[in-house]
Protein backbone atom coordinates (compact mmCIF):
# COMPACT_ATOMS: atom_id res chain seq x y z
CA LEU A 1 -12.17 -6.41 17.78
CA TYR A 2 -12.03 -5.36 21.39
CA GLY A 3 -13.66 -8.59 22.48
CA ASP A 4 -11.13 -10.82 20.78
CA VAL A 5 -8.37 -12.40 22.62
CA TRP A 6 -4.99 -10.57 21.92
CA ASP A 7 -2.35 -13.20 21.39
CA GLU A 8 0.00 -14.36 18.71
CA ALA A 9 -2.86 -15.97 16.76
CA ILE A 10 -4.45 -12.64 16.08
CA LEU A 11 -1.41 -11.63 13.92
CA THR A 12 -1.89 -14.60 11.57
CA ARG A 13 -5.48 -13.67 10.66
CA ARG A 14 -6.04 -12.37 7.16
CA VAL A 15 -7.96 -9.10 6.44
CA GLY A 16 -10.74 -10.84 4.64
CA GLU A 17 -11.21 -13.21 7.58
CA VAL A 18 -11.55 -10.31 9.99
CA ARG A 19 -13.97 -8.50 7.60
CA ARG A 20 -16.15 -11.65 7.53
CA GLY A 21 -16.03 -11.86 11.31
CA LEU A 22 -17.19 -8.24 11.66
CA GLY A 23 -19.78 -8.55 8.96
CA LEU A 24 -18.08 -6.06 6.70
CA ASP A 25 -17.64 -8.33 3.67
CA GLY A 26 -20.87 -7.21 1.94
CA GLU A 27 -20.98 -4.81 -1.06
CA ASP A 28 -23.73 -2.59 0.49
CA VAL A 29 -21.94 -1.78 3.75
CA ARG A 30 -22.59 1.94 4.38
CA PRO A 31 -22.45 4.15 7.55
CA ASN A 32 -25.71 4.51 9.38
CA GLY A 33 -26.99 7.61 11.19
CA GLU A 34 -25.30 6.51 14.36
CA ASP A 35 -21.89 6.19 12.62
CA ARG A 36 -22.28 9.68 11.10
CA ALA A 37 -23.26 11.17 14.41
CA ALA A 38 -20.27 9.62 16.12
CA PHE A 39 -17.97 10.86 13.44
CA ALA A 40 -19.40 14.43 13.71
CA PHE A 41 -19.05 14.36 17.55
CA TRP A 42 -15.51 13.12 17.67
CA GLY A 43 -14.55 15.43 14.81
CA GLY A 44 -15.91 18.30 16.76
CA VAL A 45 -14.15 17.11 19.98
CA SER A 46 -10.84 17.05 18.03
CA VAL A 47 -11.27 20.52 16.55
CA LEU A 48 -12.13 21.95 19.97
CA THR A 49 -9.11 20.17 21.50
CA TYR A 50 -6.90 21.66 18.80
CA LEU A 51 -8.27 25.17 19.34
CA ALA A 52 -7.90 24.96 23.12
CA THR A 53 -4.34 23.71 22.83
CA GLY A 54 -3.43 26.49 20.45
CA ALA A 55 -5.07 29.05 22.74
CA PHE A 56 -3.18 27.82 25.78
CA MET A 57 0.12 27.79 23.90
CA PHE A 58 -0.31 31.24 22.35
CA ALA A 59 -1.89 33.07 25.37
CA PRO A 60 1.46 34.08 26.92
CA ALA A 61 2.73 35.51 23.62
CA LEU A 62 -0.50 37.45 23.04
CA ALA A 63 -0.33 38.78 26.62
CA LEU A 64 3.30 39.87 26.06
CA LEU A 65 2.31 41.52 22.72
CA GLY A 66 -0.52 43.40 24.56
CA VAL A 67 1.78 44.63 27.20
CA LEU A 68 4.26 45.62 24.62
CA TRP A 69 1.68 47.50 22.62
CA LEU A 70 0.38 49.38 25.76
CA TRP A 71 4.04 50.25 26.64
CA LEU A 72 4.78 51.55 23.19
CA ALA A 73 1.48 53.51 22.99
CA ARG A 74 2.17 55.76 25.99
């Protein structure tokens, strides 16, 4: 779809028409090894991004809790 011209005509196309154009209208369309590898890679990237964002957001709170714990422990 990235190679198509983006204009008003693209909005009038039917789903079946687009599927035929992409070669996805057959009954035996299944993901191949490259599709599975891409899915696993981008799934891993999204999980790592989620964890990094969480660590970045909660780091100040964890540091504050650590300082509070040290202050209360003395």
